């Protein structure tokens, strides 16, 4: 019971900090304002987190929890290449068009000049990890000889870029509403999968 209460309090701090970061930017938020938003004391907050950076790191992890890991669920031995790529593409787009992930990307773009260390932290926990997971799927497809042997990072970048074309930038800039309709995601992934198969599949 005590452990659950401790974890709940920790998560309360993380989510309070995340909302403040999204609403006001990283620079404007203080540990005092986070404690106040979490209806707690600054001393209690410091007993969980030593800095704003630590809270930001925890929020990035929380924002992508479960969604990043779903990328690895795409391949199974019984599935055809087109099915695996479709599942991978949908999982990727559902991740990067999540409102909290979009908000994080906007925050990072806005703070990049003042807080380059924040960018490195976010990249390592978010985009780099995502690309690595896509790469693991690509490696599995090469092992099964479903696609050509090629550089894993290049394959991963090409696939994710094909999937997000015409969607992610428009969402990031606020031109299209969130959440993105499932039919839009499906159509984008279907087109991306066709192109990727023409380029890389072992026919």
C-alpha atoms as a PDB file:
ATOM      1  CA  UNK A   1       0.000   0.000   0.000  1.00  0.00           C
ATOM      2  CA  UNK A   2       2.786   2.435   0.906  1.00  0.00           C
ATOM      3  CA  UNK A   3       4.582   1.676  -2.355  1.00  0.00           C
ATOM      4  CA  UNK A   4       1.407   2.435  -4.339  1.00  0.00           C
ATOM      5  CA  UNK A   5       0.968   5.735  -2.526  1.00  0.00           C
ATOM      6  CA  UNK A   6       4.611   6.633  -3.190  1.00  0.00           C
ATOM      7  CA  UNK A   7       4.281   5.846  -6.881  1.00  0.00           C
ATOM      8  CA  UNK A   8       1.021   7.772  -7.098  1.00  0.00           C
ATOM      9  CA  UNK A   9       2.620  10.829  -5.506  1.00  0.00           C
ATOM     10  CA  UNK A  10       5.615  10.563  -7.841  1.00  0.00           C
ATOM     11  CA  UNK A  11       3.312  10.367 -10.869  1.00  0.00           C
ATOM     12  CA  UNK A  12       1.330  13.329  -9.575  1.00  0.00           C
ATOM     13  CA  UNK A  13       4.521  15.418  -9.557  1.00  0.00           C
ATOM     14  CA  UNK A  14       5.472  14.213 -13.042  1.00  0.00           C
ATOM     15  CA  UNK A  15       2.106  15.025 -14.591  1.00  0.00           C
ATOM     16  CA  UNK A  16       1.875  18.392 -12.833  1.00  0.00           C
ATOM     17  CA  UNK A  17       5.330  19.299 -14.123  1.00  0.00           C
ATOM     18  CA  UNK A  18       4.484  18.105 -17.626  1.00  0.00           C
ATOM     19  CA  UNK A  19       1.361  20.262 -17.811  1.00  0.00           C
ATOM     20  CA  UNK A  20       3.264  23.302 -16.613  1.00  0.00           C
ATOM     21  CA  UNK A  21       6.051  22.692 -19.134  1.00  0.00           C
ATOM     22  CA  UNK A  22       3.529  22.391 -21.962  1.00  0.00           C
ATOM     23  CA  UNK A  23       1.548  25.457 -20.880  1.00  0.00           C
ATOM     24  CA  UNK A  24       4.392  27.818 -19.991  1.00  0.00           C
ATOM     25  CA  UNK A  25       7.641  26.445 -21.431  1.00  0.00           C
ATOM     26  CA  UNK A  26      10.540  24.910 -19.573  1.00  0.00           C
ATOM     27  CA  UNK A  27      12.264  28.140 -18.533  1.00  0.00           C
ATOM     28  CA  UNK A  28       9.227  29.709 -16.863  1.00  0.00           C
ATOM     29  CA  UNK A  29       8.485  26.748 -14.596  1.00  0.00           C
ATOM     30  CA  UNK A  30      10.032  26.499 -11.126  1.00  0.00           C
ATOM     31  CA  UNK A  31      10.200  23.669  -8.637  1.00  0.00           C
ATOM     32  CA  UNK A  32       8.012  25.776  -6.365  1.00  0.00           C
ATOM     33  CA  UNK A  33       5.317  26.137  -9.040  1.00  0.00           C
ATOM     34  CA  UNK A  34       5.410  22.375  -9.676  1.00  0.00           C
ATOM     35  CA  UNK A  35       4.955  21.619  -5.991  1.00  0.00           C
ATOM     36  CA  UNK A  36       2.066  24.077  -5.831  1.00  0.00           C
ATOM     37  CA  UNK A  37       0.385  22.544  -8.899  1.00  0.00           C
ATOM     38  CA  UNK A  38       0.751  19.097  -7.329  1.00  0.00           C
ATOM     39  CA  UNK A  39      -0.769  20.363  -4.058  1.00  0.00           C
ATOM     40  CA  UNK A  40       2.379  19.416  -2.159  1.00  0.00           C
ATOM     41  CA  UNK A  41       5.414  21.017  -0.581  1.00  0.00           C
ATOM     42  CA  UNK A  42       8.698  21.850  -2.264  1.00  0.00           C
ATOM     43  CA  UNK A  43      10.533  19.715   0.299  1.00  0.00           C
ATOM     44  CA  UNK A  44       8.434  16.690  -0.623  1.00  0.00           C
ATOM     45  CA  UNK A  45       8.994  17.354  -4.318  1.00  0.00           C
ATOM     46  CA  UNK A  46      12.773  17.453  -3.798  1.00  0.00           C
ATOM     47  CA  UNK A  47      12.589  14.131  -1.994  1.00  0.00           C
ATOM     48  CA  UNK A  48      11.404  12.626  -5.291  1.00  0.00           C
ATOM     49  CA  UNK A  49      13.190  14.759  -7.908  1.00  0.00           C
ATOM     50  CA  UNK A  50      16.402  16.747  -7.673  1.00  0.00           C
ATOM     51  CA  UNK A  51      15.692  19.164 -10.539  1.00  0.00           C
ATOM     52  CA  UNK A  52      13.359  20.299 -13.314  1.00  0.00           C
ATOM     53  CA  UNK A  53      15.473  18.301 -15.741  1.00  0.00           C
ATOM     54  CA  UNK A  54      14.793  15.106 -13.777  1.00  0.00           C
ATOM     55  CA  UNK A  55      11.077  15.853 -13.857  1.00  0.00           C
ATOM     56  CA  UNK A  56      11.199  16.544 -17.589  1.00  0.00           C
ATOM     57  CA  UNK A  57      12.993  13.242 -18.158  1.00  0.00           C
ATOM     58  CA  UNK A  58      10.344  11.393 -16.146  1.00  0.00           C
ATOM     59  CA  UNK A  59       7.576  13.119 -18.100  1.00  0.00           C
ATOM     60  CA  UNK A  60       9.065  12.142 -21.466  1.00  0.00           C
ATOM     61  CA  UNK A  61       9.212   8.517 -20.341  1.00  0.00           C
ATOM     62  CA  UNK A  62       5.635   8.679 -19.060  1.00  0.00           C
ATOM     63  CA  UNK A  63       4.328  10.316 -22.243  1.00  0.00           C
ATOM     64  CA  UNK A  64       5.588   7.494 -24.444  1.00  0.00           C
ATOM     65  CA  UNK A  65       4.940   4.620 -22.028  1.00  0.00           C
ATOM     66  CA  UNK A  66       3.415   1.639 -23.761  1.00  0.00           C
ATOM     67  CA  UNK A  67       3.292   3.345 -27.149  1.00  0.00           C
ATOM     68  CA  UNK A  68       7.003   3.060 -27.952  1.00  0.00           C
ATOM     69  CA  UNK A  69       7.071  -0.578 -26.852  1.00  0.00           C
ATOM     70  CA  UNK A  70       4.150  -1.381 -29.164  1.00  0.00           C
ATOM     71  CA  UNK A  71       6.474  -0.886 -32.134  1.00  0.00           C
ATOM     72  CA  UNK A  72       8.159  -4.166 -31.241  1.00  0.00           C
ATOM     73  CA  UNK A  73       4.846  -6.039 -31.399  1.00  0.00           C
ATOM     74  CA  UNK A  74       4.607  -5.668 -35.189  1.00  0.00           C
ATOM     75  CA  UNK A  75       6.430  -8.801 -36.391  1.00  0.00           C
ATOM     76  CA  UNK A  76       5.213 -12.341 -35.848  1.00  0.00           C
ATOM     77  CA  UNK A  77       6.414 -15.434 -37.683  1.00  0.00           C
ATOM     78  CA  UNK A  78       3.042 -16.130 -39.287  1.00  0.00           C
ATOM     79  CA  UNK A  79       2.500 -12.715 -40.830  1.00  0.00           C
ATOM     80  CA  UNK A  80       3.264 -11.490 -44.321  1.00  0.00           C
ATOM     81  CA  UNK A  81       5.538  -8.512 -44.895  1.00  0.00           C
ATOM     82  CA  UNK A  82       2.693  -6.147 -45.774  1.00  0.00           C
ATOM     83  CA  UNK A  83       0.863  -6.983 -42.525  1.00  0.00           C
ATOM     84  CA  UNK A  84       3.961  -6.482 -40.382  1.00  0.00           C
ATOM     85  CA  UNK A  85       4.799  -3.157 -42.010  1.00  0.00           C
ATOM     86  CA  UNK A  86       1.210  -1.989 -41.680  1.00  0.00           C
ATOM     87  CA  UNK A  87       1.129  -2.775 -37.955  1.00  0.00           C
ATOM     88  CA  UNK A  88       4.489  -1.077 -37.478  1.00  0.00           C
ATOM     89  CA  UNK A  89       3.398   2.021 -39.372  1.00  0.00           C
ATOM     90  CA  UNK A  90       0.119   2.390 -37.489  1.00  0.00           C
ATOM     91  CA  UNK A  91       1.889   1.979 -34.139  1.00  0.00           C
ATOM     92  CA  UNK A  92       4.413   4.639 -35.149  1.00  0.00           C
ATOM     93  CA  UNK A  93       1.835   7.173 -36.307  1.00  0.00           C
ATOM     94  CA  UNK A  94      -0.382   6.600 -33.279  1.00  0.00           C
ATOM     95  CA  UNK A  95       2.669   7.378 -31.145  1.00  0.00           C
ATOM     96  CA  UNK A  96       3.862  10.548 -32.880  1.00  0.00           C
ATOM     97  CA  UNK A  97       0.377  12.052 -33.330  1.00  0.00           C
ATOM     98  CA  UNK A  98      -0.577  11.650 -29.660  1.00  0.00           C
ATOM     99  CA  UNK A  99      -1.447  15.152 -28.374  1.00  0.00           C
ATOM    100  CA  UNK A 100       1.069  14.947 -25.504  1.00  0.00           C
ATOM    101  CA  UNK A 101       3.848  13.811 -27.864  1.00  0.00           C
ATOM    102  CA  UNK A 102       3.023  16.604 -30.304  1.00  0.00           C
ATOM    103  CA  UNK A 103       3.092  19.082 -27.414  1.00  0.00           C
ATOM    104  CA  UNK A 104       6.494  17.752 -26.326  1.00  0.00           C
ATOM    105  CA  UNK A 105       7.895  18.216 -29.822  1.00  0.00           C
ATOM    106  CA  UNK A 106       6.589  21.778 -29.945  1.00  0.00           C
ATOM    107  CA  UNK A 107       8.148  22.476 -26.554  1.00  0.00           C
ATOM    108  CA  UNK A 108      11.521  21.105 -27.617  1.00  0.00           C
ATOM    109  CA  UNK A 109      11.534  23.146 -30.834  1.00  0.00           C
ATOM    110  CA  UNK A 110      10.749  26.281 -28.850  1.00  0.00           C
ATOM    111  CA  UNK A 111      13.397  25.665 -26.178  1.00  0.00           C
ATOM    112  CA  UNK A 112      16.167  24.223 -28.384  1.00  0.00           C
ATOM    113  CA  UNK A 113      18.185  27.429 -28.575  1.00  0.00           C
ATOM    114  CA  UNK A 114      18.196  28.045 -24.813  1.00  0.00           C
ATOM    115  CA  UNK A 115      18.338  24.468 -23.535  1.00  0.00           C
ATOM    116  CA  UNK A 116      20.349  22.244 -25.905  1.00  0.00           C
ATOM    117  CA  UNK A 117      20.786  19.707 -23.106  1.00  0.00           C
ATOM    118  CA  UNK A 118      17.000  19.339 -22.997  1.00  0.00           C
ATOM    119  CA  UNK A 119      17.010  18.468 -26.698  1.00  0.00           C
ATOM    120  CA  UNK A 120      19.642  15.782 -26.174  1.00  0.00           C
ATOM    121  CA  UNK A 121      17.673  14.342 -23.277  1.00  0.00           C
ATOM    122  CA  UNK A 122      14.442  14.269 -25.261  1.00  0.00           C
ATOM    123  CA  UNK A 123      16.106  12.800 -28.346  1.00  0.00           C
ATOM    124  CA  UNK A 124      17.665   9.966 -26.385  1.00  0.00           C
ATOM    125  CA  UNK A 125      14.441   9.023 -24.606  1.00  0.00           C
ATOM    126  CA  UNK A 126      12.082   9.642 -27.521  1.00  0.00           C
ATOM    127  CA  UNK A 127      13.048   9.786 -31.206  1.00  0.00           C
ATOM    128  CA  UNK A 128      16.287   7.788 -30.833  1.00  0.00           C
ATOM    129  CA  UNK A 129      14.540   5.015 -28.893  1.00  0.00           C
ATOM    130  CA  UNK A 130      11.686   4.985 -31.405  1.00  0.00           C
ATOM    131  CA  UNK A 131      14.090   4.683 -34.334  1.00  0.00           C
ATOM    132  CA  UNK A 132      15.959   1.912 -32.522  1.00  0.00           C
ATOM    133  CA  UNK A 133      12.735  -0.071 -32.060  1.00  0.00           C
ATOM    134  CA  UNK A 134      11.828   0.339 -35.738  1.00  0.00           C
ATOM    135  CA  UNK A 135      15.352  -0.844 -36.524  1.00  0.00           C
ATOM    136  CA  UNK A 136      14.820  -4.022 -34.502  1.00  0.00           C
ATOM    137  CA  UNK A 137      11.779  -4.810 -36.616  1.00  0.00           C
ATOM    138  CA  UNK A 138      13.758  -4.131 -39.806  1.00  0.00           C
ATOM    139  CA  UNK A 139      16.515  -6.445 -38.601  1.00  0.00           C
ATOM    140  CA  UNK A 140      13.953  -9.181 -37.956  1.00  0.00           C
ATOM    141  CA  UNK A 141      12.564  -8.738 -41.469  1.00  0.00           C
ATOM    142  CA  UNK A 142      16.048  -9.018 -42.951  1.00  0.00           C
ATOM    143  CA  UNK A 143      16.728 -12.133 -40.883  1.00  0.00           C
ATOM    144  CA  UNK A 144      13.605 -13.690 -42.378  1.00  0.00           C
ATOM    145  CA  UNK A 145      14.799 -12.555 -45.838  1.00  0.00           C
ATOM    146  CA  UNK A 146      11.595 -10.617 -46.410  1.00  0.00           C
ATOM    147  CA  UNK A 147      13.529  -7.455 -47.297  1.00  0.00           C
ATOM    148  CA  UNK A 148      16.945  -6.754 -48.825  1.00  0.00           C
ATOM    149  CA  UNK A 149      20.004  -6.659 -46.620  1.00  0.00           C
ATOM    150  CA  UNK A 150      20.682  -2.979 -46.087  1.00  0.00           C
ATOM    151  CA  UNK A 151      21.699  -0.419 -43.481  1.00  0.00           C
ATOM    152  CA  UNK A 152      19.181  -0.737 -40.642  1.00  0.00           C
ATOM    153  CA  UNK A 153      19.139   2.958 -39.775  1.00  0.00           C
ATOM    154  CA  UNK A 154      18.518   3.927 -43.403  1.00  0.00           C
ATOM    155  CA  UNK A 155      15.654   1.455 -43.712  1.00  0.00           C
ATOM    156  CA  UNK A 156      14.122   2.717 -40.480  1.00  0.00           C
ATOM    157  CA  UNK A 157      14.381   6.378 -41.481  1.00  0.00           C
ATOM    158  CA  UNK A 158      12.898   5.706 -44.910  1.00  0.00           C
ATOM    159  CA  UNK A 159       9.951   3.781 -43.503  1.00  0.00           C
ATOM    160  CA  UNK A 160       9.058   6.253 -40.781  1.00  0.00           C
ATOM    161  CA  UNK A 161       9.414   9.210 -43.162  1.00  0.00           C
ATOM    162  CA  UNK A 162       7.120   7.560 -45.711  1.00  0.00           C
ATOM    163  CA  UNK A 163       4.529   6.927 -42.988  1.00  0.00           C
ATOM    164  CA  UNK A 164       4.526  10.437 -41.565  1.00  0.00           C
ATOM    165  CA  UNK A 165       4.544  12.281 -44.918  1.00  0.00           C
ATOM    166  CA  UNK A 166       1.734  14.815 -45.062  1.00  0.00           C
ATOM    167  CA  UNK A 167       0.542  14.106 -41.526  1.00  0.00           C
ATOM    168  CA  UNK A 168       3.081  14.790 -38.776  1.00  0.00           C
ATOM    169  CA  UNK A 169       4.207  18.238 -39.909  1.00  0.00           C
ATOM    170  CA  UNK A 170       0.629  19.456 -40.346  1.00  0.00           C
ATOM    171  CA  UNK A 171      -0.300  18.214 -36.872  1.00  0.00           C
ATOM    172  CA  UNK A 172       2.851  19.725 -35.385  1.00  0.00           C
ATOM    173  CA  UNK A 173       2.061  23.107 -36.940  1.00  0.00           C
ATOM    174  CA  UNK A 174      -1.573  22.986 -35.825  1.00  0.00           C
ATOM    175  CA  UNK A 175      -2.955  22.869 -39.364  1.00  0.00           C
ATOM    176  CA  UNK A 176      -4.883  19.638 -38.756  1.00  0.00           C
ATOM    177  CA  UNK A 177      -6.895  18.675 -35.672  1.00  0.00           C
ATOM    178  CA  UNK A 178      -5.963  16.010 -33.152  1.00  0.00           C
ATOM    179  CA  UNK A 179      -6.527  13.174 -32.776  1.00  0.00           C
ATOM    180  CA  UNK A 180      -5.937  12.291 -36.408  1.00  0.00           C
ATOM    181  CA  UNK A 181      -8.741  10.168 -37.831  1.00  0.00           C
ATOM    182  CA  UNK A 182      -7.966   6.463 -38.022  1.00  0.00           C
ATOM    183  CA  UNK A 183      -8.836   6.398 -41.727  1.00  0.00           C
ATOM    184  CA  UNK A 184      -6.199   9.054 -42.418  1.00  0.00           C
ATOM    185  CA  UNK A 185      -3.542   7.062 -40.573  1.00  0.00           C
ATOM    186  CA  UNK A 186      -4.565   3.876 -42.367  1.00  0.00           C
ATOM    187  CA  UNK A 187      -4.345   5.517 -45.792  1.00  0.00           C
ATOM    188  CA  UNK A 188      -0.929   7.019 -45.087  1.00  0.00           C
ATOM    189  CA  UNK A 189       0.501   3.731 -43.825  1.00  0.00           C
ATOM    190  CA  UNK A 190      -0.979   1.786 -46.742  1.00  0.00           C
ATOM    191  CA  UNK A 191       0.700   4.131 -49.237  1.00  0.00           C
ATOM    192  CA  UNK A 192       3.990   4.064 -47.310  1.00  0.00           C
ATOM    193  CA  UNK A 193       3.951   0.274 -47.147  1.00  0.00           C
ATOM    194  CA  UNK A 194       3.436  -0.058 -50.902  1.00  0.00           C
ATOM    195  CA  UNK A 195       6.371   2.232 -51.664  1.00  0.00           C
ATOM    196  CA  UNK A 196       8.631   0.563 -49.093  1.00  0.00           C
ATOM    197  CA  UNK A 197       7.851  -2.906 -50.460  1.00  0.00           C
ATOM    198  CA  UNK A 198       8.636  -1.792 -54.017  1.00  0.00           C
ATOM    199  CA  UNK A 199      11.988  -0.446 -52.822  1.00  0.00           C
ATOM    200  CA  UNK A 200      13.138  -3.120 -50.409  1.00  0.00           C
ATOM    201  CA  UNK A 201      11.091  -6.336 -50.549  1.00  0.00           C
ATOM    202  CA  UNK A 202      12.582  -9.600 -51.746  1.00  0.00           C
ATOM    203  CA  UNK A 203      10.188 -10.490 -54.528  1.00  0.00           C
END
